[in-house]
PDB file of N, CA and C in Angstrom:
ATOM      1  N   MET A   1      10.846 -11.899  -3.455  1.00  0.00           N
ATOM      2  CA  MET A   1      10.457 -12.077  -2.078  1.00  0.00           C
ATOM      3  C   MET A   1      11.439 -11.343  -1.186  1.00  0.00           C
ATOM      4  N   ILE A   2      10.936 -10.883  -0.045  1.00  0.00           N
ATOM      5  CA  ILE A   2      11.759 -10.109   0.880  1.00  0.00           C
ATOM      6  C   ILE A   2      12.600 -11.084   1.705  1.00  0.00           C
ATOM      7  N   ASP A   3      13.915 -10.788   1.773  1.00  0.00           N
ATOM      8  CA  ASP A   3      14.847 -11.705   2.425  1.00  0.00           C
ATOM      9  C   ASP A   3      15.036 -11.425   3.903  1.00  0.00           C
ATOM     10  N   SER A   4      14.911 -10.159   4.326  1.00  0.00           N
ATOM     11  CA  SER A   4      15.203  -9.876   5.729  1.00  0.00           C
ATOM     12  C   SER A   4      14.253  -8.812   6.255  1.00  0.00           C
ATOM     13  N   TRP A   5      14.196  -8.695   7.564  1.00  0.00           N
ATOM     14  CA  TRP A   5      13.339  -7.710   8.212  1.00  0.00           C
ATOM     15  C   TRP A   5      13.717  -6.270   7.865  1.00  0.00           C
ATOM     16  N   PRO A   6      14.967  -5.915   7.852  1.00  0.00           N
ATOM     17  CA  PRO A   6      15.302  -4.537   7.481  1.00  0.00           C
ATOM     18  C   PRO A   6      14.811  -4.168   6.077  1.00  0.00           C
ATOM     19  N   THR A   7      14.894  -5.115   5.155  1.00  0.00           N
ATOM     20  CA  THR A   7      14.410  -4.856   3.799  1.00  0.00           C
ATOM     21  C   THR A   7      12.896  -4.685   3.811  1.00  0.00           C
ATOM     22  N   ALA A   8      12.201  -5.497   4.584  1.00  0.00           N
ATOM     23  CA  ALA A   8      10.743  -5.420   4.680  1.00  0.00           C
ATOM     24  C   ALA A   8      10.330  -4.087   5.314  1.00  0.00           C
ATOM     25  N   ILE A   9      11.021  -3.696   6.361  1.00  0.00           N
ATOM     26  CA  ILE A   9      10.701  -2.427   7.024  1.00  0.00           C
ATOM     27  C   ILE A   9      10.983  -1.256   6.091  1.00  0.00           C
ATOM     28  N   PHE A  10      12.094  -1.322   5.361  1.00  0.00           N
ATOM     29  CA  PHE A  10      12.421  -0.266   4.412  1.00  0.00           C
ATOM     30  C   PHE A  10      11.357  -0.187   3.308  1.00  0.00           C
ATOM     31  N   SER A  11      10.950  -1.334   2.770  1.00  0.00           N
ATOM     32  CA  SER A  11       9.930  -1.365   1.719  1.00  0.00           C
ATOM     33  C   SER A  11       8.612  -0.804   2.241  1.00  0.00           C
ATOM     34  N   LEU A  12       8.237  -1.184   3.451  1.00  0.00           N
ATOM     35  CA  LEU A  12       7.013  -0.667   4.052  1.00  0.00           C
ATOM     36  C   LEU A  12       7.114   0.847   4.263  1.00  0.00           C
ATOM     37  N   GLY A  13       8.251   1.316   4.691  1.00  0.00           N
ATOM     38  CA  GLY A  13       8.472   2.752   4.867  1.00  0.00           C
ATOM     39  C   GLY A  13       8.356   3.498   3.553  1.00  0.00           C
ATOM     40  N   VAL A  14       8.951   2.951   2.484  1.00  0.00           N
ATOM     41  CA  VAL A  14       8.869   3.568   1.157  1.00  0.00           C
ATOM     42  C   VAL A  14       7.418   3.620   0.701  1.00  0.00           C
ATOM     43  N   LEU A  15       6.658   2.557   0.920  1.00  0.00           N
ATOM     44  CA  LEU A  15       5.242   2.538   0.545  1.00  0.00           C
ATOM     45  C   LEU A  15       4.446   3.579   1.336  1.00  0.00           C
ATOM     46  N   LEU A  16       4.727   3.669   2.625  1.00  0.00           N
ATOM     47  CA  LEU A  16       4.016   4.647   3.450  1.00  0.00           C
ATOM     48  C   LEU A  16       4.340   6.082   3.024  1.00  0.00           C
ATOM     49  N   VAL A  17       5.611   6.359   2.796  1.00  0.00           N
ATOM     50  CA  VAL A  17       6.002   7.695   2.348  1.00  0.00           C
ATOM     51  C   VAL A  17       5.394   7.994   0.984  1.00  0.00           C
ATOM     52  N   GLY A  18       5.399   7.012   0.077  1.00  0.00           N
ATOM     53  CA  GLY A  18       4.784   7.197  -1.247  1.00  0.00           C
ATOM     54  C   GLY A  18       3.286   7.456  -1.119  1.00  0.00           C
ATOM     55  N   GLY A  19       2.617   6.685  -0.271  1.00  0.00           N
ATOM     56  CA  GLY A  19       1.186   6.900  -0.050  1.00  0.00           C
ATOM     57  C   GLY A  19       0.908   8.269   0.547  1.00  0.00           C
ATOM     58  N   PHE A  20       1.741   8.670   1.494  1.00  0.00           N
ATOM     59  CA  PHE A  20       1.586   9.990   2.106  1.00  0.00           C
ATOM     60  C   PHE A  20       1.759  11.093   1.064  1.00  0.00           C
ATOM     61  N   LEU A  21       2.768  10.960   0.204  1.00  0.00           N
ATOM     62  CA  LEU A  21       2.998  11.968  -0.833  1.00  0.00           C
ATOM     63  C   LEU A  21       1.838  12.024  -1.830  1.00  0.00           C
ATOM     64  N   ILE A  22       1.303  10.852  -2.182  1.00  0.00           N
ATOM     65  CA  ILE A  22       0.149  10.828  -3.094  1.00  0.00           C
ATOM     66  C   ILE A  22      -1.053  11.497  -2.435  1.00  0.00           C
ATOM     67  N   ALA A  23      -1.292  11.178  -1.150  1.00  0.00           N
ATOM     68  CA  ALA A  23      -2.409  11.800  -0.431  1.00  0.00           C
ATOM     69  C   ALA A  23      -2.204  13.308  -0.322  1.00  0.00           C
ATOM     70  N   LEU A  24      -0.995  13.735  -0.053  1.00  0.00           N
ATOM     71  CA  LEU A  24      -0.686  15.161   0.048  1.00  0.00           C
ATOM     72  C   LEU A  24      -0.934  15.864  -1.293  1.00  0.00           C
ATOM     73  N   PHE A  25      -0.526  15.224  -2.374  1.00  0.00           N
ATOM     74  CA  PHE A  25      -0.761  15.781  -3.708  1.00  0.00           C
ATOM     75  C   PHE A  25      -2.262  15.889  -3.993  1.00  0.00           C
ATOM     76  N   ALA A  26      -3.019  14.861  -3.616  1.00  0.00           N
ATOM     77  CA  ALA A  26      -4.472  14.878  -3.847  1.00  0.00           C
ATOM     78  C   ALA A  26      -5.129  15.995  -3.047  1.00  0.00           C
ATOM     79  N   VAL A  27      -4.746  16.147  -1.799  1.00  0.00           N
ATOM     80  CA  VAL A  27      -5.325  17.206  -0.958  1.00  0.00           C
ATOM     81  C   VAL A  27      -4.977  18.583  -1.533  1.00  0.00           C
ATOM     82  N   ALA A  28      -3.754  18.760  -1.963  1.00  0.00           N
ATOM     83  CA  ALA A  28      -3.346  20.044  -2.546  1.00  0.00           C
ATOM     84  C   ALA A  28      -4.123  20.324  -3.832  1.00  0.00           C
ATOM     85  N   THR A  29      -4.302  19.303  -4.653  1.00  0.00           N
ATOM     86  CA  THR A  29      -5.042  19.468  -5.904  1.00  0.00           C
ATOM     87  C   THR A  29      -6.488  19.866  -5.623  1.00  0.00           C
ATOM     88  N   PHE A  30      -7.126  19.160  -4.686  1.00  0.00           N
ATOM     89  CA  PHE A  30      -8.512  19.495  -4.360  1.00  0.00           C
ATOM     90  C   PHE A  30      -8.611  20.873  -3.719  1.00  0.00           C
ATOM     91  N   GLY A  31      -7.625  21.250  -2.931  1.00  0.00           N
ATOM     92  CA  GLY A  31      -7.613  22.583  -2.324  1.00  0.00           C
ATOM     93  C   GLY A  31      -7.510  23.676  -3.373  1.00  0.00           C
ATOM     94  N   MET A  32      -6.637  23.469  -4.348  1.00  0.00           N
ATOM     95  CA  MET A  32      -6.500  24.459  -5.424  1.00  0.00           C
ATOM     96  C   MET A  32      -7.780  24.539  -6.247  1.00  0.00           C
ATOM     97  N   ARG A  33      -8.386  23.387  -6.504  1.00  0.00           N
ATOM     98  CA  ARG A  33      -9.631  23.360  -7.257  1.00  0.00           C
ATOM     99  C   ARG A  33     -10.729  24.118  -6.520  1.00  0.00           C
ATOM    100  N   LYS A  34     -10.802  23.897  -5.213  1.00  0.00           N
ATOM    101  CA  LYS A  34     -11.807  24.584  -4.400  1.00  0.00           C
ATOM    102  C   LYS A  34     -11.539  26.090  -4.378  1.00  0.00           C
ATOM    103  N   ALA A  35     -10.282  26.478  -4.278  1.00  0.00           N
ATOM    104  CA  ALA A  35      -9.938  27.907  -4.282  1.00  0.00           C
ATOM    105  C   ALA A  35     -10.336  28.556  -5.615  1.00  0.00           C
ATOM    106  N   LYS A  36     -10.083  27.859  -6.726  1.00  0.00           N
ATOM    107  CA  LYS A  36     -10.470  28.400  -8.032  1.00  0.00           C
ATOM    108  C   LYS A  36     -11.982  28.525  -8.134  1.00  0.00           C
ATOM    109  N   LEU A  37     -12.701  27.519  -7.647  1.00  0.00           N
ATOM    110  CA  LEU A  37     -14.159  27.551  -7.686  1.00  0.00           C
ATOM    111  C   LEU A  37     -14.701  28.680  -6.822  1.00  0.00           C
ATOM    112  N   ASP A  38     -14.115  28.859  -5.640  1.00  0.00           N
ATOM    113  CA  ASP A  38     -14.534  29.957  -4.762  1.00  0.00           C
ATOM    114  C   ASP A  38     -14.277  31.316  -5.411  1.00  0.00           C
ATOM    115  N   ALA A  39     -13.132  31.446  -6.072  1.00  0.00           N
ATOM    116  CA  ALA A  39     -12.802  32.709  -6.750  1.00  0.00           C
ATOM    117  C   ALA A  39     -13.782  32.973  -7.889  1.00  0.00           C
ATOM    118  N   LYS A  40     -14.140  31.933  -8.624  1.00  0.00           N
ATOM    119  CA  LYS A  40     -15.103  32.101  -9.725  1.00  0.00           C
ATOM    120  C   LYS A  40     -16.475  32.488  -9.174  1.00  0.00           C
ATOM    121  N   GLN A  41     -16.886  31.855  -8.084  1.00  0.00           N
ATOM    122  CA  GLN A  41     -18.174  32.201  -7.484  1.00  0.00           C
ATOM    123  C   GLN A  41     -18.168  33.641  -6.982  1.00  0.00           C
ATOM    124  N   ALA A  42     -17.070  34.066  -6.393  1.00  0.00           N
ATOM    125  CA  ALA A  42     -16.973  35.447  -5.917  1.00  0.00           C
ATOM    126  C   ALA A  42     -17.035  36.419  -7.094  1.00  0.00           C
ATOM    127  N   ASP A  43     -16.370  36.074  -8.194  1.00  0.00           N
ATOM    128  CA  ASP A  43     -16.407  36.927  -9.382  1.00  0.00           C
ATOM    129  C   ASP A  43     -17.820  36.978  -9.961  1.00  0.00           C
ATOM    130  N   ASP A  44     -18.482  35.832 -10.019  1.00  0.00           N
ATOM    131  CA  ASP A  44     -19.868  35.804 -10.504  1.00  0.00           C
ATOM    132  C   ASP A  44     -20.772  36.649  -9.614  1.00  0.00           C
ATOM    133  N   LEU A  45     -20.550  36.583  -8.315  1.00  0.00           N
ATOM    134  CA  LEU A  45     -21.350  37.381  -7.387  1.00  0.00           C
ATOM    135  C   LEU A  45     -21.092  38.873  -7.594  1.00  0.00           C
ATOM    136  N   ARG A  46     -19.827  39.255  -7.818  1.00  0.00           N
ATOM    137  CA  ARG A  46     -19.512  40.658  -8.085  1.00  0.00           C
ATOM    138  C   ARG A  46     -20.210  41.149  -9.357  1.00  0.00           C
ATOM    139  N   GLN A  47     -20.200  40.308 -10.387  1.00  0.00           N
ATOM    140  CA  GLN A  47     -20.876  40.675 -11.632  1.00  0.00           C
ATOM    141  C   GLN A  47     -22.380  40.816 -11.412  1.00  0.00           C
ATOM    142  N   LEU A  48     -22.952  39.928 -10.619  1.00  0.00           N
ATOM    143  CA  LEU A  48     -24.380  40.007 -10.331  1.00  0.00           C
ATOM    144  C   LEU A  48     -24.714  41.280  -9.570  1.00  0.00           C
ATOM    145  N   VAL A  49     -23.868  41.641  -8.615  1.00  0.00           N
ATOM    146  CA  VAL A  49     -24.087  42.877  -7.857  1.00  0.00           C
ATOM    147  C   VAL A  49     -23.982  44.085  -8.782  1.00  0.00           C
ATOM    148  N   ARG A  50     -22.992  44.070  -9.691  1.00  0.00           N
ATOM    149  CA  ARG A  50     -22.853  45.174 -10.651  1.00  0.00           C
ATOM    150  C   ARG A  50     -24.100  45.300 -11.524  1.00  0.00           C
ATOM    151  N   ARG A  51     -24.607  44.166 -12.002  1.00  0.00           N
ATOM    152  CA  ARG A  51     -25.810  44.192 -12.834  1.00  0.00           C
ATOM    153  C   ARG A  51     -27.003  44.709 -12.037  1.00  0.00           C
ATOM    154  N   PHE A  52     -27.107  44.299 -10.779  1.00  0.00           N
ATOM    155  CA  PHE A  52     -28.203  44.772  -9.936  1.00  0.00           C
ATOM    156  C   PHE A  52     -28.100  46.281  -9.717  1.00  0.00           C
ATOM    157  N   GLU A  53     -26.896  46.768  -9.474  1.00  0.00           N
ATOM    158  CA  GLU A  53     -26.710  48.209  -9.273  1.00  0.00           C
ATOM    159  C   GLU A  53     -27.093  48.987 -10.531  1.00  0.00           C
ATOM    160  N   GLN A  54     -26.709  48.484 -11.701  1.00  0.00           N
ATOM    161  CA  GLN A  54     -27.077  49.143 -12.951  1.00  0.00           C
ATOM    162  C   GLN A  54     -28.595  49.132 -13.142  1.00  0.00           C
ATOM    163  N   LEU A  55     -29.213  47.997 -12.831  1.00  0.00           N
ATOM    164  CA  LEU A  55     -30.663  47.903 -12.945  1.00  0.00           C
ATOM    165  C   LEU A  55     -31.346  48.874 -11.999  1.00  0.00           C
ATOM    166  N   ALA A  56     -30.855  48.963 -10.770  1.00  0.00           N
ATOM    167  CA  ALA A  56     -31.435  49.889  -9.793  1.00  0.00           C
ATOM    168  C   ALA A  56     -31.267  51.335 -10.267  1.00  0.00           C
ATOM    169  N   GLU A  57     -30.107  51.643 -10.805  1.00  0.00           N
ATOM    170  CA  GLU A  57     -29.865  53.005 -11.304  1.00  0.00           C
ATOM    171  C   GLU A  57     -30.793  53.325 -12.475  1.00  0.00           C
ATOM    172  N   ASN A  58     -30.916  52.387 -13.405  1.00  0.00           N
ATOM    173  CA  ASN A  58     -31.808  52.595 -14.548  1.00  0.00           C
ATOM    174  C   ASN A  58     -33.260  52.745 -14.096  1.00  0.00           C
ATOM    175  N   THR A  59     -33.646  51.973 -13.107  1.00  0.00           N
ATOM    176  CA  THR A  59     -35.007  52.058 -12.588  1.00  0.00           C
ATOM    177  C   THR A  59     -35.251  53.412 -11.944  1.00  0.00           C
ATOM    178  N   MET A  60     -34.283  53.897 -11.177  1.00  0.00           N
ATOM    179  CA  MET A  60     -34.431  55.214 -10.554  1.00  0.00           C
ATOM    180  C   MET A  60     -34.559  56.305 -11.615  1.00  0.00           C
ATOM    181  N   GLU A  61     -33.733  56.227 -12.659  1.00  0.00           N
ATOM    182  CA  GLU A  61     -33.807  57.219 -13.733  1.00  0.00           C
ATOM    183  C   GLU A  61     -35.171  57.173 -14.417  1.00  0.00           C
ATOM    184  N   ALA A  62     -35.666  55.951 -14.663  1.00  0.00           N
ATOM    185  CA  ALA A  62     -36.976  55.812 -15.305  1.00  0.00           C
ATOM    186  C   ALA A  62     -38.081  56.367 -14.406  1.00  0.00           C
ATOM    187  N   GLN A  63     -37.984  56.122 -13.108  1.00  0.00           N
ATOM    188  CA  GLN A  63     -38.981  56.646 -12.175  1.00  0.00           C
ATOM    189  C   GLN A  63     -38.945  58.170 -12.145  1.00  0.00           C
ATOM    190  N   GLN A  64     -37.760  58.736 -12.180  1.00  0.00           N
ATOM    191  CA  GLN A  64     -37.651  60.199 -12.177  1.00  0.00           C
ATOM    192  C   GLN A  64     -38.239  60.786 -13.453  1.00  0.00           C
ATOM    193  N   ARG A  65     -37.964  60.142 -14.595  1.00  0.00           N
ATOM    194  CA  ARG A  65     -38.549  60.612 -15.849  1.00  0.00           C
ATOM    195  C   ARG A  65     -40.069  60.511 -15.820  1.00  0.00           C
ATOM    196  N   MET A  66     -40.572  59.398 -15.276  1.00  0.00           N
ATOM    197  CA  MET A  66     -42.020  59.221 -15.194  1.00  0.00           C
ATOM    198  C   MET A  66     -42.646  60.251 -14.254  1.00  0.00           C
ATOM    199  N   ALA A  67     -41.982  60.557 -13.154  1.00  0.00           N
ATOM    200  CA  ALA A  67     -42.497  61.565 -12.223  1.00  0.00           C
ATOM    201  C   ALA A  67     -42.538  62.934 -12.896  1.00  0.00           C
ATOM    202  N   THR A  68     -41.498  63.251 -13.646  1.00  0.00           N
ATOM    203  CA  THR A  68     -41.471  64.512 -14.375  1.00  0.00           C
ATOM    204  C   THR A  68     -42.594  64.569 -15.412  1.00  0.00           C
ATOM    205  N   ASP A  69     -42.744  63.480 -16.158  1.00  0.00           N
ATOM    206  CA  ASP A  69     -43.807  63.426 -17.165  1.00  0.00           C
ATOM    207  C   ASP A  69     -45.184  63.530 -16.522  1.00  0.00           C
ATOM    208  N   LEU A  70     -45.365  62.861 -15.388  1.00  0.00           N
ATOM    209  CA  LEU A  70     -46.645  62.913 -14.685  1.00  0.00           C
ATOM    210  C   LEU A  70     -46.942  64.329 -14.192  1.00  0.00           C
ATOM    211  N   ALA A  71     -45.939  64.994 -13.673  1.00  0.00           N
ATOM    212  CA  ALA A  71     -46.133  66.372 -13.215  1.00  0.00           C
ATOM    213  C   ALA A  71     -46.513  67.271 -14.390  1.00  0.00           C
ATOM    214  N   GLU A  72     -45.866  67.053 -15.530  1.00  0.00           N
ATOM    215  CA  GLU A  72     -46.189  67.846 -16.719  1.00  0.00           C
ATOM    216  C   GLU A  72     -47.619  67.566 -17.174  1.00  0.00           C
ATOM    217  N   LEU A  73     -48.024  66.301 -17.155  1.00  0.00           N
ATOM    218  CA  LEU A  73     -49.396  65.955 -17.541  1.00  0.00           C
ATOM    219  C   LEU A  73     -50.422  66.556 -16.580  1.00  0.00           C
ATOM    220  N   GLN A  74     -50.087  66.558 -15.291  1.00  0.00           N
ATOM    221  CA  GLN A  74     -50.998  67.167 -14.319  1.00  0.00           C
ATOM    222  C   GLN A  74     -51.136  68.667 -14.572  1.00  0.00           C
ATOM    223  N   ALA A  75     -50.038  69.300 -14.894  1.00  0.00           N
ATOM    224  CA  ALA A  75     -50.085  70.734 -15.184  1.00  0.00           C
ATOM    225  C   ALA A  75     -50.918  70.995 -16.434  1.00  0.00           C
ATOM    226  N   ARG A  76     -50.742  70.177 -17.456  1.00  0.00           N
ATOM    227  CA  ARG A  76     -51.519  70.338 -18.679  1.00  0.00           C
ATOM    228  C   ARG A  76     -53.014  70.098 -18.410  1.00  0.00           C
ATOM    229  N   THR A  77     -53.300  69.064 -17.629  1.00  0.00           N
ATOM    230  CA  THR A  77     -54.697  68.755 -17.301  1.00  0.00           C
ATOM    231  C   THR A  77     -55.339  69.912 -16.552  1.00  0.00           C
ATOM    232  N   THR A  78     -54.602  70.461 -15.626  1.00  0.00           N
ATOM    233  CA  THR A  78     -55.121  71.608 -14.866  1.00  0.00           C
ATOM    234  C   THR A  78     -55.386  72.789 -15.791  1.00  0.00           C
ATOM    235  N   SER A  79     -54.473  73.058 -16.692  1.00  0.00           N
ATOM    236  CA  SER A  79     -54.675  74.199 -17.605  1.00  0.00           C
ATOM    237  C   SER A  79     -55.843  73.934 -18.555  1.00  0.00           C
ATOM    238  N   ILE A  80     -56.011  72.694 -18.994  1.00  0.00           N
ATOM    239  CA  ILE A  80     -57.152  72.358 -19.863  1.00  0.00           C
ATOM    240  C   ILE A  80     -58.465  72.514 -19.096  1.00  0.00           C
ATOM    241  N   GLU A  81     -58.481  72.071 -17.839  1.00  0.00           N
ATOM    242  CA  GLU A  81     -59.685  72.220 -17.021  1.00  0.00           C
ATOM    243  C   GLU A  81     -60.035  73.703 -16.836  1.00  0.00           C
ATOM    244  N   GLN A  82     -59.040  74.510 -16.583  1.00  0.00           N
ATOM    245  CA  GLN A  82     -59.286  75.951 -16.418  1.00  0.00           C
ATOM    246  C   GLN A  82     -59.812  76.555 -17.718  1.00  0.00           C
ATOM    247  N   LEU A  83     -59.261  76.122 -18.845  1.00  0.00           N
ATOM    248  CA  LEU A  83     -59.703  76.612 -20.128  1.00  0.00           C
ATOM    249  C   LEU A  83     -61.160  76.223 -20.391  1.00  0.00           C
ATOM    250  N   LEU A  84     -61.500  74.967 -20.056  1.00  0.00           N
ATOM    251  CA  LEU A  84     -62.871  74.499 -20.241  1.00  0.00           C
ATOM    252  C   LEU A  84     -63.851  75.243 -19.336  1.00  0.00           C
ATOM    253  N   ARG A  85     -63.429  75.583 -18.131  1.00  0.00           N
ATOM    254  CA  ARG A  85     -64.297  76.329 -17.211  1.00  0.00           C
ATOM    255  C   ARG A  85     -64.574  77.740 -17.745  1.00  0.00           C
ATOM    256  N   THR A  86     -63.586  78.326 -18.352  1.00  0.00           N
ATOM    257  CA  THR A  86     -63.794  79.687 -18.889  1.00  0.00           C
ATOM    258  C   THR A  86     -64.677  79.661 -20.124  1.00  0.00           C
ATOM    259  N   VAL A  87     -64.653  78.547 -20.843  1.00  0.00           N
ATOM    260  CA  VAL A  87     -65.474  78.439 -22.051  1.00  0.00           C
ATOM    261  C   VAL A  87     -66.941  78.247 -21.677  1.00  0.00           C
ATOM    262  N   GLU A  88     -67.226  77.579 -20.602  1.00  0.00           N
ATOM    263  CA  GLU A  88     -68.626  77.311 -20.194  1.00  0.00           C
ATOM    264  C   GLU A  88     -69.289  78.552 -19.878  1.00  0.00           C
TER     265      GLU A  88
END
């Protein structure tokens, strides 16, 4: 049991300082956790953007190849049509 007011005030002060330190530690821990989570989300977003850029590049290359192939097919079709007209 507490014998005097100074002892009670000191004990209350120690409890308050201890509680404050525990709260400060908890806030710091949650802050670090949030920072790590934010960094991971940013990294995931960067990876997603990289994958999207690669997909867009591959799509453009495929479209260019298809356009080239289509132009070649049109040229062949035209030459076949001309050949058929001369045969008639």
